[in-house]
């Protein structure tokens, strides 16, 4: 695992985007295309802002899969992750080969079948993501399913996860935060050639410490990243503040 300590969110996002852009170009050069996974949330603001400006990426050869989405939330809602990605990513790369959104506002069973059919067997060059306050990856809250081979699954969000969404300002009250979501599974995320994780703020410090220094357990979903062959973790001083040994 590679861990980079960056001074602030802007520098962190730029470094993560630069690393991701290099991997996208390399995948296109090697395979003629690049499949990537794009994430949302506060941790991805700066990364996406820099990624869409990265030079020399033939976006027409890139397919972007969406990481997760709430069940029952329309795309018009301010907290919709589809809306987030269309505004912060898709709109800025108009020649993108394909964007595969997760539609949680409809027949969930049919949507899972659609998504799983589209991604199954695809080589993923890079998965961009963050780590939640409860150490979740995507919406795989503890205890996460480390066993399922299904690429996308229906998950129940725990209270800590829902409180984070409210705390970040996406919802006015806890009651407004949906209780279920469609999420990419842990094993599907781990199949990516490279994981690029962006983590900042003191509120993530305990999760970072548990993920890197605690037991490998589904009670700390992010601990699984220690088993990935090429995981690159970008953290700021606040998120790294509880680590026994600083990067």
Protein backbone atom coordinates (compact mmCIF):
# COMPACT_ATOMS: atom_id res chain seq x y z
CA UNK A 1 0.00 0.00 0.00
CA UNK A 2 1.14 3.51 -0.80
CA UNK A 3 0.20 6.26 1.66
CA UNK A 4 0.72 9.89 0.79
CA UNK A 5 0.33 12.65 3.37
CA UNK A 6 -0.72 15.94 1.77
CA UNK A 7 -0.99 19.38 3.35
CA UNK A 8 -4.65 20.10 2.57
CA UNK A 9 -7.71 19.00 0.60
CA UNK A 10 -6.78 20.90 -2.54
CA UNK A 11 -3.29 19.42 -2.80
CA UNK A 12 -4.68 16.01 -1.82
CA UNK A 13 -7.31 16.09 -4.56
CA UNK A 14 -4.79 17.21 -7.14
CA UNK A 15 -2.34 14.44 -6.22
CA UNK A 16 -5.04 11.76 -6.31
CA UNK A 17 -6.35 13.05 -9.65
CA UNK A 18 -2.85 13.12 -11.14
CA UNK A 19 -2.29 9.50 -10.10
CA UNK A 20 -5.68 8.46 -11.47
CA UNK A 21 -5.18 10.29 -14.76
CA UNK A 22 -1.86 8.50 -15.31
CA UNK A 23 -3.54 5.13 -14.75
CA UNK A 24 -6.39 5.99 -17.13
CA UNK A 25 -3.94 6.97 -19.87
CA UNK A 26 -1.92 3.81 -19.26
CA UNK A 27 -5.02 1.59 -19.48
CA UNK A 28 -6.07 3.20 -22.76
CA UNK A 29 -2.58 2.77 -24.17
CA UNK A 30 -2.45 -0.88 -23.10
CA UNK A 31 -6.02 -2.03 -23.70
CA UNK A 32 -7.57 0.56 -26.00
CA UNK A 33 -10.07 1.54 -23.31
CA UNK A 34 -10.34 2.26 -19.60
CA UNK A 35 -13.14 1.35 -17.23
CA UNK A 36 -13.16 3.42 -14.06
CA UNK A 37 -15.31 3.73 -10.94
CA UNK A 38 -16.23 7.22 -9.81
CA UNK A 39 -17.41 8.13 -6.33
CA UNK A 40 -19.17 11.02 -4.65
CA UNK A 41 -19.28 12.80 -1.32
CA UNK A 42 -17.18 15.57 0.18
CA UNK A 43 -13.97 13.54 -0.23
CA UNK A 44 -14.24 13.67 -4.03
CA UNK A 45 -14.84 17.38 -4.66
CA UNK A 46 -11.24 18.36 -5.34
CA UNK A 47 -10.30 15.08 -7.00
CA UNK A 48 -13.02 15.36 -9.64
CA UNK A 49 -12.32 19.06 -10.18
CA UNK A 50 -8.73 18.22 -11.09
CA UNK A 51 -9.44 14.95 -12.90
CA UNK A 52 -11.72 16.54 -15.51
CA UNK A 53 -8.90 19.01 -16.31
CA UNK A 54 -6.20 16.35 -16.63
CA UNK A 55 -4.46 16.61 -20.01
CA UNK A 56 -4.19 14.00 -22.74
CA UNK A 57 -7.01 11.68 -21.66
CA UNK A 58 -9.09 10.35 -24.55
CA UNK A 59 -12.35 10.35 -22.61
CA UNK A 60 -14.18 8.79 -25.56
CA UNK A 61 -12.44 5.53 -24.62
CA UNK A 62 -13.45 5.72 -20.95
CA UNK A 63 -16.49 4.10 -19.33
CA UNK A 64 -17.29 5.42 -15.86
CA UNK A 65 -19.25 3.23 -13.47
CA UNK A 66 -21.07 4.87 -10.58
CA UNK A 67 -20.20 3.57 -7.10
CA UNK A 68 -23.47 3.84 -5.16
CA UNK A 69 -26.83 5.55 -4.82
CA UNK A 70 -29.69 5.87 -2.35
CA UNK A 71 -32.83 3.84 -2.90
CA UNK A 72 -35.94 5.92 -3.49
CA UNK A 73 -34.19 9.25 -4.04
CA UNK A 74 -34.98 11.01 -7.34
CA UNK A 75 -32.13 12.43 -9.37
CA UNK A 76 -33.57 15.91 -8.88
CA UNK A 77 -32.87 15.71 -5.12
CA UNK A 78 -29.87 17.74 -3.96
CA UNK A 79 -28.30 14.67 -2.33
CA UNK A 80 -28.60 12.45 -5.40
CA UNK A 81 -25.24 10.97 -6.32
CA UNK A 82 -26.29 10.74 -9.98
CA UNK A 83 -26.94 14.48 -9.92
CA UNK A 84 -23.59 15.05 -8.18
CA UNK A 85 -21.65 13.12 -10.83
CA UNK A 86 -23.48 14.58 -13.79
CA UNK A 87 -22.75 18.09 -12.54
CA UNK A 88 -19.18 17.61 -11.28
CA UNK A 89 -17.87 14.99 -13.71
CA UNK A 90 -19.96 14.07 -16.74
CA UNK A 91 -20.79 17.66 -17.74
CA UNK A 92 -17.08 18.50 -17.85
CA UNK A 93 -16.07 15.60 -20.10
CA UNK A 94 -18.67 15.80 -22.89
CA UNK A 95 -16.87 13.22 -25.02
CA UNK A 96 -17.01 10.57 -22.27
CA UNK A 97 -17.46 7.13 -23.78
CA UNK A 98 -20.17 6.07 -21.34
CA UNK A 99 -21.48 6.87 -17.89
CA UNK A 100 -23.24 4.02 -16.09
CA UNK A 101 -25.31 5.60 -13.28
CA UNK A 102 -26.92 3.73 -10.42
CA UNK A 103 -30.66 4.42 -10.48
CA UNK A 104 -32.09 3.77 -7.04
CA UNK A 105 -35.42 5.37 -7.87
CA UNK A 106 -37.31 2.46 -9.37
CA UNK A 107 -37.29 -1.34 -9.51
CA UNK A 108 -34.25 -2.19 -7.39
CA UNK A 109 -34.11 -5.83 -8.43
CA UNK A 110 -34.16 -4.89 -12.12
CA UNK A 111 -31.53 -2.20 -11.57
CA UNK A 112 -29.20 -4.65 -9.81
CA UNK A 113 -29.58 -7.05 -12.71
CA UNK A 114 -28.83 -4.28 -15.22
CA UNK A 115 -25.75 -3.02 -13.38
CA UNK A 116 -24.37 -6.47 -12.70
CA UNK A 117 -24.80 -7.43 -16.33
CA UNK A 118 -22.94 -4.33 -17.50
CA UNK A 119 -19.93 -4.57 -15.18
CA UNK A 120 -19.46 -8.30 -14.73
CA UNK A 121 -16.20 -9.46 -16.29
CA UNK A 122 -15.00 -5.94 -17.09
CA UNK A 123 -11.43 -4.99 -16.22
CA UNK A 124 -11.49 -1.91 -14.00
CA UNK A 125 -8.40 0.27 -14.32
CA UNK A 126 -8.99 2.42 -11.27
CA UNK A 127 -11.59 2.77 -8.54
CA UNK A 128 -11.83 6.22 -6.95
CA UNK A 129 -13.41 6.22 -3.49
CA UNK A 130 -13.17 7.48 0.07
CA UNK A 131 -13.48 6.01 3.55
CA UNK A 132 -16.52 6.79 5.67
CA UNK A 133 -16.54 7.91 9.27
CA UNK A 134 -17.63 4.38 10.19
CA UNK A 135 -14.88 2.99 7.91
CA UNK A 136 -17.29 2.04 5.16
CA UNK A 137 -16.21 1.59 1.55
CA UNK A 138 -18.90 2.79 -0.84
CA UNK A 139 -22.08 2.12 1.19
CA UNK A 140 -20.79 -1.14 2.66
CA UNK A 141 -21.36 -0.30 6.31
CA UNK A 142 -20.17 -2.60 9.11
CA UNK A 143 -20.60 -5.50 9.24
CA UNK A 144 -19.82 -5.45 5.53
CA UNK A 145 -20.28 -8.44 3.26
CA UNK A 146 -16.75 -9.59 2.40
CA UNK A 147 -17.97 -12.72 0.63
CA UNK A 148 -20.53 -11.85 -2.05
CA UNK A 149 -19.30 -11.93 -5.64
CA UNK A 150 -22.26 -9.88 -6.87
CA UNK A 151 -20.88 -6.61 -8.26
CA UNK A 152 -23.75 -4.45 -6.95
CA UNK A 153 -25.88 -5.23 -3.91
CA UNK A 154 -28.72 -3.78 -1.86
CA UNK A 155 -27.47 -2.55 1.53
CA UNK A 156 -28.96 -1.13 4.70
CA UNK A 157 -27.32 2.04 5.96
CA UNK A 158 -26.39 2.17 9.62
CA UNK A 159 -27.05 5.20 11.80
CA UNK A 160 -23.42 6.37 11.79
CA UNK A 161 -23.42 6.45 8.00
CA UNK A 162 -26.73 8.29 7.87
CA UNK A 163 -25.51 10.79 10.47
CA UNK A 164 -22.46 11.47 8.32
CA UNK A 165 -24.66 12.26 5.32
CA UNK A 166 -26.70 14.66 7.43
CA UNK A 167 -23.58 16.16 9.00
CA UNK A 168 -22.08 16.90 5.59
CA UNK A 169 -25.19 18.90 4.76
CA UNK A 170 -26.83 16.62 2.22
CA UNK A 171 -30.03 16.25 4.29
CA UNK A 172 -31.69 18.57 6.83
CA UNK A 173 -32.53 15.84 9.38
CA UNK A 174 -31.61 12.21 10.05
CA UNK A 175 -35.16 11.18 9.22
CA UNK A 176 -34.65 12.51 5.69
CA UNK A 177 -31.67 10.24 4.99
CA UNK A 178 -32.72 7.05 3.16
CA UNK A 179 -32.17 3.79 5.02
CA UNK A 180 -31.19 1.66 2.02
CA UNK A 181 -28.93 2.03 -1.00
CA UNK A 182 -27.52 0.22 -4.00
CA UNK A 183 -23.78 -0.13 -3.52
CA UNK A 184 -20.89 -1.66 -5.35
CA UNK A 185 -19.76 -4.62 -3.28
CA UNK A 186 -16.45 -4.91 -1.46
CA UNK A 187 -15.19 -7.72 -3.70
CA UNK A 188 -16.07 -5.78 -6.85
CA UNK A 189 -14.15 -2.73 -5.60
CA UNK A 190 -11.19 -4.96 -4.77
CA UNK A 191 -11.12 -6.26 -8.35
CA UNK A 192 -9.98 -2.85 -9.63
CA UNK A 193 -6.35 -2.81 -10.77
CA UNK A 194 -5.78 0.22 -8.53
CA UNK A 195 -7.70 1.71 -5.62
CA UNK A 196 -7.31 5.46 -5.13
CA UNK A 197 -8.75 6.55 -1.79
CA UNK A 198 -8.99 10.21 -0.77
CA UNK A 199 -9.54 10.85 2.94
CA UNK A 200 -9.44 14.16 4.80
CA UNK A 201 -10.65 15.77 8.04
CA UNK A 202 -10.28 14.85 11.69
CA UNK A 203 -13.67 13.11 11.68
CA UNK A 204 -12.11 10.38 9.52
CA UNK A 205 -9.04 9.88 11.75
CA UNK A 206 -10.38 6.97 13.80
CA UNK A 207 -11.54 5.15 10.66
CA UNK A 208 -8.13 5.61 9.05
CA UNK A 209 -6.35 4.30 12.14
CA UNK A 210 -8.66 1.27 12.40
CA UNK A 211 -8.33 0.54 8.68
CA UNK A 212 -4.53 0.62 8.71
CA UNK A 213 -3.63 -0.52 12.21
CA UNK A 214 -6.60 -2.46 13.58
CA UNK A 215 -7.71 -6.03 12.89
CA UNK A 216 -8.77 -6.99 9.40
CA UNK A 217 -12.50 -7.42 9.92
CA UNK A 218 -15.81 -6.67 8.26
CA UNK A 219 -16.61 -4.57 11.34
CA UNK A 220 -14.08 -2.17 9.82
CA UNK A 221 -14.82 -2.54 6.11
CA UNK A 222 -11.89 -0.35 5.00
CA UNK A 223 -9.43 -2.72 6.67
CA UNK A 224 -9.78 -4.92 3.57
CA UNK A 225 -7.72 -2.44 1.55
CA UNK A 226 -4.59 -3.90 3.15
CA UNK A 227 -5.16 -6.99 0.98
CA UNK A 228 -5.23 -5.04 -2.28
CA UNK A 229 -2.18 -5.27 -4.51
CA UNK A 230 -2.17 -1.58 -5.48
CA UNK A 231 -4.03 0.64 -3.03
CA UNK A 232 -3.01 4.29 -2.90
CA UNK A 233 -4.29 6.22 0.09
CA UNK A 234 -4.14 10.02 0.04
CA UNK A 235 -4.67 11.61 3.47
CA UNK A 236 -4.30 15.02 5.08
CA UNK A 237 -2.69 15.60 8.51
CA UNK A 238 -6.05 15.66 10.29
CA UNK A 239 -7.16 12.29 8.90
CA UNK A 240 -3.73 10.79 9.68
CA UNK A 241 -3.55 12.32 13.18
CA UNK A 242 -4.23 9.10 15.12
CA UNK A 243 -1.81 6.85 13.24
CA UNK A 244 1.00 5.42 15.34
CA UNK A 245 3.47 6.05 12.55
CA UNK A 246 2.90 8.99 10.25
CA UNK A 247 3.27 8.42 6.49
